[in-house]
Each structure stands twice: as structure tokens, then as C-alpha cells.
Amino acid sequence: MFEDLPVTFTLDCGSASYFIELERFQIYFQLLEKHKSDPEAFNREILGHHLFPVSKKSNSKYTLSDEMFDGHNLWLLKPTDYNRGRGVQVFNSYDQFKRLIQEY
């Protein structure tokens, strides 16, 4: 059940870790753009970036399965103050993401 979960980044503008998480997201997003047609190349490159801490107790590998990516870099931005899907925005470019963040 937990083998194929979407990658999640928590961007809390009031948090001290905001810029670290933002940088991690930006790297991940850009690598997906770079390797849209080759998930295997993405997987090789993403593992070298060490973007995600892996617990010694876990065998988790943050790789992209062929079924999870079809060449579209599609993301959801979910505001923390709402529930039941209210305020959810969909974006597929980094410029759209920056605009949405500025709006929040």
C-alpha cells in the first residue's frame, strides 16, 4: 500500500524550514522537467541529490515508477487553512507555482 505514494513537500511560509523545502521542491520539479521522457534517468539523478532523508529502519527509495509519470509535471497546491478540497490549485509550471505562492 505504501510503495506508490506521491511525493509531498510541506511549504509553511512561517516556518524556518520554508526555504529548504522550497529549494528541495525546485530541484525535484526541475529534474522532472529535464527527464520528462526518461523516468529511469530521473531516478538515477534524483538519488544523487539526497533530497529525502531515508531512515535506517526503512528501505524506502524515492523513485518514480513508470506508472506514476507520463511526461506531465502536474502538481497540487493545497492550502493548510482549508479542508474538503477547498482552495486546491493545480499547476504544471514553476511560474504558475510562484504565482500561486505569491497569491497565498
PDB file of N, CA and C in Angstrom:
ATOM      1  N   MET A   1       0.807  -1.189   0.000  1.00  0.00           N
ATOM      2  CA  MET A   1       0.000   0.000   0.000  1.00  0.00           C
ATOM      3  C   MET A   1       0.854   1.258   0.000  1.00  0.00           C
ATOM      4  N   PHE A   2       1.970   1.271   0.728  1.00  0.00           N
ATOM      5  CA  PHE A   2       2.765   2.481   0.839  1.00  0.00           C
ATOM      6  C   PHE A   2       3.914   2.542  -0.159  1.00  0.00           C
ATOM      7  N   GLU A   3       3.922   1.677  -1.141  1.00  0.00           N
ATOM      8  CA  GLU A   3       5.004   1.683  -2.104  1.00  0.00           C
ATOM      9  C   GLU A   3       4.879   2.793  -3.131  1.00  0.00           C
ATOM     10  N   ASP A   4       3.664   3.171  -3.489  1.00  0.00           N
ATOM     11  CA  ASP A   4       3.464   4.171  -4.523  1.00  0.00           C
ATOM     12  C   ASP A   4       2.671   5.357  -3.988  1.00  0.00           C
ATOM     13  N   LEU A   5       3.312   6.169  -3.189  1.00  0.00           N
ATOM     14  CA  LEU A   5       2.707   7.383  -2.675  1.00  0.00           C
ATOM     15  C   LEU A   5       3.276   8.579  -3.425  1.00  0.00           C
ATOM     16  N   PRO A   6       2.471   9.600  -3.639  1.00  0.00           N
ATOM     17  CA  PRO A   6       3.016  10.780  -4.327  1.00  0.00           C
ATOM     18  C   PRO A   6       4.022  11.508  -3.442  1.00  0.00           C
ATOM     19  N   VAL A   7       4.982  12.112  -4.073  1.00  0.00           N
ATOM     20  CA  VAL A   7       5.971  12.903  -3.360  1.00  0.00           C
ATOM     21  C   VAL A   7       5.271  14.144  -2.820  1.00  0.00           C
ATOM     22  N   THR A   8       5.575  14.480  -1.577  1.00  0.00           N
ATOM     23  CA  THR A   8       4.925  15.611  -0.921  1.00  0.00           C
ATOM     24  C   THR A   8       5.971  16.550  -0.350  1.00  0.00           C
ATOM     25  N   PHE A   9       5.754  17.828  -0.539  1.00  0.00           N
ATOM     26  CA  PHE A   9       6.593  18.863   0.060  1.00  0.00           C
ATOM     27  C   PHE A   9       5.687  19.737   0.910  1.00  0.00           C
ATOM     28  N   THR A  10       6.130  20.058   2.126  1.00  0.00           N
ATOM     29  CA  THR A  10       5.362  20.908   3.017  1.00  0.00           C
ATOM     30  C   THR A  10       6.022  22.279   3.043  1.00  0.00           C
ATOM     31  N   LEU A  11       5.336  23.254   2.469  1.00  0.00           N
ATOM     32  CA  LEU A  11       5.868  24.615   2.385  1.00  0.00           C
ATOM     33  C   LEU A  11       5.068  25.516   3.315  1.00  0.00           C
ATOM     34  N   ASP A  12       5.548  25.663   4.527  1.00  0.00           N
ATOM     35  CA  ASP A  12       4.914  26.520   5.516  1.00  0.00           C
ATOM     36  C   ASP A  12       5.672  27.848   5.526  1.00  0.00           C
ATOM     37  N   CYS A  13       5.046  28.887   4.989  1.00  0.00           N
ATOM     38  CA  CYS A  13       5.722  30.182   4.838  1.00  0.00           C
ATOM     39  C   CYS A  13       6.218  30.749   6.161  1.00  0.00           C
ATOM     40  N   GLY A  14       5.615  30.358   7.273  1.00  0.00           N
ATOM     41  CA  GLY A  14       6.033  30.860   8.572  1.00  0.00           C
ATOM     42  C   GLY A  14       7.102  30.018   9.239  1.00  0.00           C
ATOM     43  N   SER A  15       7.513  28.961   8.588  1.00  0.00           N
ATOM     44  CA  SER A  15       8.467  28.025   9.188  1.00  0.00           C
ATOM     45  C   SER A  15       9.905  28.387   8.824  1.00  0.00           C
ATOM     46  N   ALA A  16      10.815  28.050   9.723  1.00  0.00           N
ATOM     47  CA  ALA A  16      12.243  28.270   9.461  1.00  0.00           C
ATOM     48  C   ALA A  16      12.745  27.369   8.334  1.00  0.00           C
ATOM     49  N   SER A  17      12.051  26.267   8.089  1.00  0.00           N
ATOM     50  CA  SER A  17      12.488  25.330   7.051  1.00  0.00           C
ATOM     51  C   SER A  17      11.864  25.636   5.681  1.00  0.00           C
ATOM     52  N   TYR A  18      11.129  26.727   5.563  1.00  0.00           N
ATOM     53  CA  TYR A  18      10.439  27.056   4.314  1.00  0.00           C
ATOM     54  C   TYR A  18      11.395  27.074   3.124  1.00  0.00           C
ATOM     55  N   PHE A  19      12.499  27.791   3.237  1.00  0.00           N
ATOM     56  CA  PHE A  19      13.401  27.940   2.094  1.00  0.00           C
ATOM     57  C   PHE A  19      14.117  26.636   1.756  1.00  0.00           C
ATOM     58  N   ILE A  20      14.354  25.804   2.742  1.00  0.00           N
ATOM     59  CA  ILE A  20      14.952  24.494   2.492  1.00  0.00           C
ATOM     60  C   ILE A  20      13.975  23.619   1.702  1.00  0.00           C
ATOM     61  N   GLU A  21      12.719  23.577   2.156  1.00  0.00           N
ATOM     62  CA  GLU A  21      11.698  22.801   1.452  1.00  0.00           C
ATOM     63  C   GLU A  21      11.442  23.350   0.056  1.00  0.00           C
ATOM     64  N   LEU A  22      11.446  24.670  -0.072  1.00  0.00           N
ATOM     65  CA  LEU A  22      11.241  25.287  -1.384  1.00  0.00           C
ATOM     66  C   LEU A  22      12.355  24.903  -2.342  1.00  0.00           C
ATOM     67  N   GLU A  23      13.580  24.902  -1.854  1.00  0.00           N
ATOM     68  CA  GLU A  23      14.709  24.506  -2.700  1.00  0.00           C
ATOM     69  C   GLU A  23      14.611  23.025  -3.091  1.00  0.00           C
ATOM     70  N   ARG A  24      14.233  22.167  -2.146  1.00  0.00           N
ATOM     71  CA  ARG A  24      14.059  20.741  -2.449  1.00  0.00           C
ATOM     72  C   ARG A  24      13.004  20.551  -3.528  1.00  0.00           C
ATOM     73  N   PHE A  25      11.878  21.267  -3.400  1.00  0.00           N
ATOM     74  CA  PHE A  25      10.826  21.167  -4.406  1.00  0.00           C
ATOM     75  C   PHE A  25      11.324  21.646  -5.762  1.00  0.00           C
ATOM     76  N   GLN A  26      12.014  22.771  -5.780  1.00  0.00           N
ATOM     77  CA  GLN A  26      12.503  23.322  -7.040  1.00  0.00           C
ATOM     78  C   GLN A  26      13.442  22.343  -7.744  1.00  0.00           C
ATOM     79  N   ILE A  27      14.338  21.722  -7.008  1.00  0.00           N
ATOM     80  CA  ILE A  27      15.260  20.739  -7.597  1.00  0.00           C
ATOM     81  C   ILE A  27      14.473  19.561  -8.161  1.00  0.00           C
ATOM     82  N   TYR A  28      13.539  19.044  -7.371  1.00  0.00           N
ATOM     83  CA  TYR A  28      12.738  17.899  -7.810  1.00  0.00           C
ATOM     84  C   TYR A  28      11.947  18.245  -9.066  1.00  0.00           C
ATOM     85  N   PHE A  29      11.291  19.404  -9.053  1.00  0.00           N
ATOM     86  CA  PHE A  29      10.482  19.845 -10.192  1.00  0.00           C
ATOM     87  C   PHE A  29      11.343  19.971 -11.451  1.00  0.00           C
ATOM     88  N   GLN A  30      12.504  20.612 -11.316  1.00  0.00           N
ATOM     89  CA  GLN A  30      13.380  20.816 -12.475  1.00  0.00           C
ATOM     90  C   GLN A  30      13.930  19.502 -13.018  1.00  0.00           C
ATOM     91  N   LEU A  31      14.228  18.557 -12.127  1.00  0.00           N
ATOM     92  CA  LEU A  31      14.695  17.251 -12.606  1.00  0.00           C
ATOM     93  C   LEU A  31      13.596  16.512 -13.360  1.00  0.00           C
ATOM     94  N   LEU A  32      12.354  16.641 -12.898  1.00  0.00           N
ATOM     95  CA  LEU A  32      11.242  16.036 -13.642  1.00  0.00           C
ATOM     96  C   LEU A  32      11.105  16.668 -15.023  1.00  0.00           C
ATOM     97  N   GLU A  33      11.237  17.978 -15.086  1.00  0.00           N
ATOM     98  CA  GLU A  33      11.166  18.656 -16.387  1.00  0.00           C
ATOM     99  C   GLU A  33      12.288  18.183 -17.308  1.00  0.00           C
ATOM    100  N   LYS A  34      13.471  18.050 -16.745  1.00  0.00           N
ATOM    101  CA  LYS A  34      14.640  17.643 -17.532  1.00  0.00           C
ATOM    102  C   LYS A  34      14.486  16.232 -18.090  1.00  0.00           C
ATOM    103  N   HIS A  35      13.858  15.340 -17.328  1.00  0.00           N
ATOM    104  CA  HIS A  35      13.786  13.932 -17.705  1.00  0.00           C
ATOM    105  C   HIS A  35      12.354  13.483 -17.991  1.00  0.00           C
ATOM    106  N   LYS A  36      11.557  14.349 -18.606  1.00  0.00           N
ATOM    107  CA  LYS A  36      10.149  14.025 -18.875  1.00  0.00           C
ATOM    108  C   LYS A  36       9.960  12.715 -19.623  1.00  0.00           C
ATOM    109  N   SER A  37      10.853  12.440 -20.532  1.00  0.00           N
ATOM    110  CA  SER A  37      10.658  11.250 -21.364  1.00  0.00           C
ATOM    111  C   SER A  37      11.463  10.045 -20.884  1.00  0.00           C
ATOM    112  N   ASP A  38      12.170  10.182 -19.766  1.00  0.00           N
ATOM    113  CA  ASP A  38      13.033   9.089 -19.324  1.00  0.00           C
ATOM    114  C   ASP A  38      13.015   8.948 -17.808  1.00  0.00           C
ATOM    115  N   PRO A  39      11.994   8.283 -17.239  1.00  0.00           N
ATOM    116  CA  PRO A  39      11.927   8.122 -15.785  1.00  0.00           C
ATOM    117  C   PRO A  39      13.161   7.448 -15.179  1.00  0.00           C
ATOM    118  N   GLU A  40      13.785   6.549 -15.920  1.00  0.00           N
ATOM    119  CA  GLU A  40      14.979   5.881 -15.393  1.00  0.00           C
ATOM    120  C   GLU A  40      16.124   6.875 -15.186  1.00  0.00           C
ATOM    121  N   ALA A  41      16.295   7.803 -16.132  1.00  0.00           N
ATOM    122  CA  ALA A  41      17.336   8.829 -15.980  1.00  0.00           C
ATOM    123  C   ALA A  41      17.006   9.734 -14.801  1.00  0.00           C
ATOM    124  N   PHE A  42      15.728  10.048 -14.625  1.00  0.00           N
ATOM    125  CA  PHE A  42      15.305  10.832 -13.467  1.00  0.00           C
ATOM    126  C   PHE A  42      15.679  10.108 -12.177  1.00  0.00           C
ATOM    127  N   ASN A  43      15.352   8.823 -12.102  1.00  0.00           N
ATOM    128  CA  ASN A  43      15.634   8.044 -10.899  1.00  0.00           C
ATOM    129  C   ASN A  43      17.131   8.017 -10.588  1.00  0.00           C
ATOM    130  N   ARG A  44      17.949   7.868 -11.612  1.00  0.00           N
ATOM    131  CA  ARG A  44      19.397   7.847 -11.382  1.00  0.00           C
ATOM    132  C   ARG A  44      19.875   9.189 -10.829  1.00  0.00           C
ATOM    133  N   GLU A  45      19.369  10.277 -11.399  1.00  0.00           N
ATOM    134  CA  GLU A  45      19.841  11.599 -10.987  1.00  0.00           C
ATOM    135  C   GLU A  45      19.267  12.011  -9.631  1.00  0.00           C
ATOM    136  N   ILE A  46      18.015  11.706  -9.354  1.00  0.00           N
ATOM    137  CA  ILE A  46      17.388  12.135  -8.101  1.00  0.00           C
ATOM    138  C   ILE A  46      18.043  11.464  -6.901  1.00  0.00           C
ATOM    139  N   LEU A  47      18.472  10.226  -7.050  1.00  0.00           N
ATOM    140  CA  LEU A  47      19.115   9.524  -5.933  1.00  0.00           C
ATOM    141  C   LEU A  47      20.431  10.190  -5.534  1.00  0.00           C
ATOM    142  N   GLY A  48      21.093  10.824  -6.483  1.00  0.00           N
ATOM    143  CA  GLY A  48      22.349  11.504  -6.188  1.00  0.00           C
ATOM    144  C   GLY A  48      22.172  12.832  -5.471  1.00  0.00           C
ATOM    145  N   HIS A  49      20.962  13.360  -5.440  1.00  0.00           N
ATOM    146  CA  HIS A  49      20.728  14.663  -4.812  1.00  0.00           C
ATOM    147  C   HIS A  49      20.430  14.573  -3.322  1.00  0.00           C
ATOM    148  N   HIS A  50      20.075  13.418  -2.828  1.00  0.00           N
ATOM    149  CA  HIS A  50      19.769  13.214  -1.406  1.00  0.00           C
ATOM    150  C   HIS A  50      18.740  14.224  -0.893  1.00  0.00           C
ATOM    151  N   LEU A  51      17.664  14.401  -1.655  1.00  0.00           N
ATOM    152  CA  LEU A  51      16.627  15.351  -1.277  1.00  0.00           C
ATOM    153  C   LEU A  51      15.754  14.866  -0.141  1.00  0.00           C
ATOM    154  N   PHE A  52      15.673  13.557   0.019  1.00  0.00           N
ATOM    155  CA  PHE A  52      14.765  12.994   1.002  1.00  0.00           C
ATOM    156  C   PHE A  52      15.550  12.170   2.008  1.00  0.00           C
ATOM    157  N   PRO A  53      15.379  12.487   3.288  1.00  0.00           N
ATOM    158  CA  PRO A  53      16.054  11.665   4.295  1.00  0.00           C
ATOM    159  C   PRO A  53      15.458  10.266   4.339  1.00  0.00           C
ATOM    160  N   VAL A  54      16.296   9.272   4.382  1.00  0.00           N
ATOM    161  CA  VAL A  54      15.832   7.889   4.447  1.00  0.00           C
ATOM    162  C   VAL A  54      16.241   7.318   5.795  1.00  0.00           C
ATOM    163  N   SER A  55      15.284   6.822   6.514  1.00  0.00           N
ATOM    164  CA  SER A  55      15.535   6.240   7.829  1.00  0.00           C
ATOM    165  C   SER A  55      16.326   4.946   7.676  1.00  0.00           C
ATOM    166  N   LYS A  56      17.174   4.673   8.646  1.00  0.00           N
ATOM    167  CA  LYS A  56      17.928   3.420   8.629  1.00  0.00           C
ATOM    168  C   LYS A  56      16.988   2.226   8.766  1.00  0.00           C
ATOM    169  N   LYS A  57      15.830   2.441   9.372  1.00  0.00           N
ATOM    170  CA  LYS A  57      14.857   1.367   9.551  1.00  0.00           C
ATOM    171  C   LYS A  57      14.025   1.129   8.291  1.00  0.00           C
ATOM    172  N   SER A  58      14.089   2.059   7.375  1.00  0.00           N
ATOM    173  CA  SER A  58      13.243   1.984   6.188  1.00  0.00           C
ATOM    174  C   SER A  58      14.066   1.629   4.956  1.00  0.00           C
ATOM    175  N   ASN A  59      13.465   0.916   4.067  1.00  0.00           N
ATOM    176  CA  ASN A  59      14.094   0.621   2.780  1.00  0.00           C
ATOM    177  C   ASN A  59      13.526   1.506   1.682  1.00  0.00           C
ATOM    178  N   SER A  60      12.868   2.581   2.059  1.00  0.00           N
ATOM    179  CA  SER A  60      12.199   3.451   1.098  1.00  0.00           C
ATOM    180  C   SER A  60      13.188   4.045   0.113  1.00  0.00           C
ATOM    181  N   LYS A  61      12.799   4.030  -1.136  1.00  0.00           N
ATOM    182  CA  LYS A  61      13.551   4.685  -2.193  1.00  0.00           C
ATOM    183  C   LYS A  61      12.572   5.604  -2.906  1.00  0.00           C
ATOM    184  N   TYR A  62      12.953   6.843  -3.030  1.00  0.00           N
ATOM    185  CA  TYR A  62      12.072   7.808  -3.669  1.00  0.00           C
ATOM    186  C   TYR A  62      12.313   7.785  -5.170  1.00  0.00           C
ATOM    187  N   THR A  63      11.808   6.787  -5.804  1.00  0.00           N
ATOM    188  CA  THR A  63      11.959   6.650  -7.245  1.00  0.00           C
ATOM    189  C   THR A  63      10.609   6.833  -7.915  1.00  0.00           C
ATOM    190  N   LEU A  64      10.667   7.115  -9.172  1.00  0.00           N
ATOM    191  CA  LEU A  64       9.482   7.369  -9.964  1.00  0.00           C
ATOM    192  C   LEU A  64       9.176   6.138 -10.799  1.00  0.00           C
ATOM    193  N   SER A  65       8.033   5.525 -10.549  1.00  0.00           N
ATOM    194  CA  SER A  65       7.660   4.350 -11.333  1.00  0.00           C
ATOM    195  C   SER A  65       7.084   4.809 -12.672  1.00  0.00           C
ATOM    196  N   ASP A  66       7.190   3.947 -13.649  1.00  0.00           N
ATOM    197  CA  ASP A  66       6.658   4.281 -14.975  1.00  0.00           C
ATOM    198  C   ASP A  66       5.178   4.611 -14.919  1.00  0.00           C
ATOM    199  N   GLU A  67       4.447   3.974 -14.033  1.00  0.00           N
ATOM    200  CA  GLU A  67       3.006   4.189 -13.944  1.00  0.00           C
ATOM    201  C   GLU A  67       2.657   5.554 -13.361  1.00  0.00           C
ATOM    202  N   MET A  68       3.571   6.158 -12.627  1.00  0.00           N
ATOM    203  CA  MET A  68       3.282   7.422 -11.954  1.00  0.00           C
ATOM    204  C   MET A  68       3.646   8.637 -12.783  1.00  0.00           C
ATOM    205  N   PHE A  69       4.235   8.459 -13.944  1.00  0.00           N
ATOM    206  CA  PHE A  69       4.686   9.616 -14.711  1.00  0.00           C
ATOM    207  C   PHE A  69       4.515   9.363 -16.195  1.00  0.00           C
ATOM    208  N   ASP A  70       3.797  10.268 -16.839  1.00  0.00           N
ATOM    209  CA  ASP A  70       3.579  10.114 -18.278  1.00  0.00           C
ATOM    210  C   ASP A  70       4.064  11.332 -19.058  1.00  0.00           C
ATOM    211  N   GLY A  71       5.066  12.020 -18.515  1.00  0.00           N
ATOM    212  CA  GLY A  71       5.630  13.165 -19.215  1.00  0.00           C
ATOM    213  C   GLY A  71       5.006  14.494 -18.828  1.00  0.00           C
ATOM    214  N   HIS A  72       4.086  14.489 -17.883  1.00  0.00           N
ATOM    215  CA  HIS A  72       3.448  15.730 -17.432  1.00  0.00           C
ATOM    216  C   HIS A  72       3.864  15.994 -15.992  1.00  0.00           C
ATOM    217  N   ASN A  73       4.384  17.153 -15.746  1.00  0.00           N
ATOM    218  CA  ASN A  73       4.819  17.562 -14.413  1.00  0.00           C
ATOM    219  C   ASN A  73       3.634  18.261 -13.754  1.00  0.00           C
ATOM    220  N   LEU A  74       2.718  17.488 -13.187  1.00  0.00           N
ATOM    221  CA  LEU A  74       1.465  18.002 -12.645  1.00  0.00           C
ATOM    222  C   LEU A  74       1.483  17.938 -11.119  1.00  0.00           C
ATOM    223  N   TRP A  75       1.124  19.040 -10.467  1.00  0.00           N
ATOM    224  CA  TRP A  75       1.193  19.140  -9.016  1.00  0.00           C
ATOM    225  C   TRP A  75      -0.077  19.740  -8.453  1.00  0.00           C
ATOM    226  N   LEU A  76      -0.328  19.450  -7.173  1.00  0.00           N
ATOM    227  CA  LEU A  76      -1.425  20.060  -6.422  1.00  0.00           C
ATOM    228  C   LEU A  76      -0.826  20.963  -5.353  1.00  0.00           C
ATOM    229  N   LEU A  77      -1.403  22.137  -5.201  1.00  0.00           N
ATOM    230  CA  LEU A  77      -1.039  23.027  -4.108  1.00  0.00           C
ATOM    231  C   LEU A  77      -2.248  23.104  -3.192  1.00  0.00           C
ATOM    232  N   LYS A  78      -2.072  22.627  -1.965  1.00  0.00           N
ATOM    233  CA  LYS A  78      -3.177  22.535  -1.019  1.00  0.00           C
ATOM    234  C   LYS A  78      -2.921  23.472   0.158  1.00  0.00           C
ATOM    235  N   PRO A  79      -3.739  24.510   0.293  1.00  0.00           N
ATOM    236  CA  PRO A  79      -3.556  25.412   1.437  1.00  0.00           C
ATOM    237  C   PRO A  79      -3.896  24.717   2.746  1.00  0.00           C
ATOM    238  N   THR A  80      -3.208  25.089   3.794  1.00  0.00           N
ATOM    239  CA  THR A  80      -3.381  24.411   5.077  1.00  0.00           C
ATOM    240  C   THR A  80      -4.618  24.876   5.841  1.00  0.00           C
ATOM    241  N   ASP A  81      -5.150  26.033   5.521  1.00  0.00           N
ATOM    242  CA  ASP A  81      -6.269  26.578   6.292  1.00  0.00           C
ATOM    243  C   ASP A  81      -7.632  26.049   5.872  1.00  0.00           C
ATOM    244  N   TYR A  82      -7.686  25.255   4.824  1.00  0.00           N
ATOM    245  CA  TYR A  82      -8.965  24.772   4.323  1.00  0.00           C
ATOM    246  C   TYR A  82      -9.027  23.254   4.410  1.00  0.00           C
ATOM    247  N   ASN A  83     -10.228  22.714   4.235  1.00  0.00           N
ATOM    248  CA  ASN A  83     -10.385  21.267   4.167  1.00  0.00           C
ATOM    249  C   ASN A  83     -11.407  20.930   3.098  1.00  0.00           C
ATOM    250  N   ARG A  84     -11.628  19.655   2.879  1.00  0.00           N
ATOM    251  CA  ARG A  84     -12.566  19.151   1.886  1.00  0.00           C
ATOM    252  C   ARG A  84     -12.265  19.649   0.468  1.00  0.00           C
ATOM    253  N   GLY A  85     -11.005  19.852   0.153  1.00  0.00           N
ATOM    254  CA  GLY A  85     -10.619  20.221  -1.203  1.00  0.00           C
ATOM    255  C   GLY A  85     -10.749  21.696  -1.532  1.00  0.00           C
ATOM    256  N   ARG A  86     -11.192  22.510  -0.589  1.00  0.00           N
ATOM    257  CA  ARG A  86     -11.336  23.942  -0.868  1.00  0.00           C
ATOM    258  C   ARG A  86      -9.956  24.583  -1.011  1.00  0.00           C
ATOM    259  N   GLY A  87      -9.799  25.422  -2.010  1.00  0.00           N
ATOM    260  CA  GLY A  87      -8.557  26.151  -2.222  1.00  0.00           C
ATOM    261  C   GLY A  87      -7.472  25.382  -2.929  1.00  0.00           C
ATOM    262  N   VAL A  88      -7.729  24.135  -3.310  1.00  0.00           N
ATOM    263  CA  VAL A  88      -6.713  23.337  -4.007  1.00  0.00           C
ATOM    264  C   VAL A  88      -6.501  23.910  -5.405  1.00  0.00           C
ATOM    265  N   GLN A  89      -5.246  24.071  -5.765  1.00  0.00           N
ATOM    266  CA  GLN A  89      -4.870  24.582  -7.084  1.00  0.00           C
ATOM    267  C   GLN A  89      -4.003  23.544  -7.788  1.00  0.00           C
ATOM    268  N   VAL A  90      -4.147  23.443  -9.089  1.00  0.00           N
ATOM    269  CA  VAL A  90      -3.341  22.534  -9.904  1.00  0.00           C
ATOM    270  C   VAL A  90      -2.398  23.391 -10.743  1.00  0.00           C
ATOM    271  N   PHE A  91      -1.140  22.962 -10.829  1.00  0.00           N
ATOM    272  CA  PHE A  91      -0.186  23.687 -11.660  1.00  0.00           C
ATOM    273  C   PHE A  91       0.769  22.710 -12.323  1.00  0.00           C
ATOM    274  N   ASN A  92       1.362  23.167 -13.431  1.00  0.00           N
ATOM    275  CA  ASN A  92       2.315  22.308 -14.134  1.00  0.00           C
ATOM    276  C   ASN A  92       3.558  23.062 -14.610  1.00  0.00           C
ATOM    277  N   SER A  93       3.702  24.300 -14.172  1.00  0.00           N
ATOM    278  CA  SER A  93       4.929  25.036 -14.487  1.00  0.00           C
ATOM    279  C   SER A  93       5.413  25.732 -13.219  1.00  0.00           C
ATOM    280  N   TYR A  94       6.698  25.988 -13.171  1.00  0.00           N
ATOM    281  CA  TYR A  94       7.253  26.635 -11.988  1.00  0.00           C
ATOM    282  C   TYR A  94       6.768  28.075 -11.885  1.00  0.00           C
ATOM    283  N   ASP A  95       6.529  28.728 -13.015  1.00  0.00           N
ATOM    284  CA  ASP A  95       5.985  30.088 -12.989  1.00  0.00           C
ATOM    285  C   ASP A  95       4.581  30.110 -12.389  1.00  0.00           C
ATOM    286  N   GLN A  96       3.755  29.124 -12.729  1.00  0.00           N
ATOM    287  CA  GLN A  96       2.428  29.024 -12.120  1.00  0.00           C
ATOM    288  C   GLN A  96       2.553  28.828 -10.614  1.00  0.00           C
ATOM    289  N   PHE A  97       3.471  27.977 -10.203  1.00  0.00           N
ATOM    290  CA  PHE A  97       3.693  27.720  -8.783  1.00  0.00           C
ATOM    291  C   PHE A  97       4.064  29.007  -8.049  1.00  0.00           C
ATOM    292  N   LYS A  98       5.022  29.756  -8.584  1.00  0.00           N
ATOM    293  CA  LYS A  98       5.455  31.013  -7.944  1.00  0.00           C
ATOM    294  C   LYS A  98       4.280  31.987  -7.826  1.00  0.00           C
ATOM    295  N   ARG A  99       3.459  32.083  -8.880  1.00  0.00           N
ATOM    296  CA  ARG A  99       2.301  32.977  -8.848  1.00  0.00           C
ATOM    297  C   ARG A  99       1.309  32.552  -7.753  1.00  0.00           C
ATOM    298  N   LEU A 100       1.048  31.255  -7.658  1.00  0.00           N
ATOM    299  CA  LEU A 100       0.126  30.746  -6.641  1.00  0.00           C
ATOM    300  C   LEU A 100       0.659  30.990  -5.233  1.00  0.00           C
ATOM    301  N   ILE A 101       1.941  30.793  -5.023  1.00  0.00           N
ATOM    302  CA  ILE A 101       2.544  31.037  -3.715  1.00  0.00           C
ATOM    303  C   ILE A 101       2.414  32.514  -3.343  1.00  0.00           C
ATOM    304  N   GLN A 102       2.650  33.400  -4.301  1.00  0.00           N
ATOM    305  CA  GLN A 102       2.531  34.833  -4.036  1.00  0.00           C
ATOM    306  C   GLN A 102       1.084  35.206  -3.677  1.00  0.00           C
ATOM    307  N   GLU A 103       0.119  34.542  -4.309  1.00  0.00           N
ATOM    308  CA  GLU A 103      -1.287  34.809  -4.011  1.00  0.00           C
ATOM    309  C   GLU A 103      -1.650  34.396  -2.590  1.00  0.00           C
ATOM    310  N   TYR A 104      -1.031  33.304  -2.100  1.00  0.00           N
ATOM    311  CA  TYR A 104      -1.329  32.855  -0.736  1.00  0.00           C
ATOM    312  C   TYR A 104      -0.633  33.757   0.253  1.00  0.00           C
TER     313      TYR A 104
END
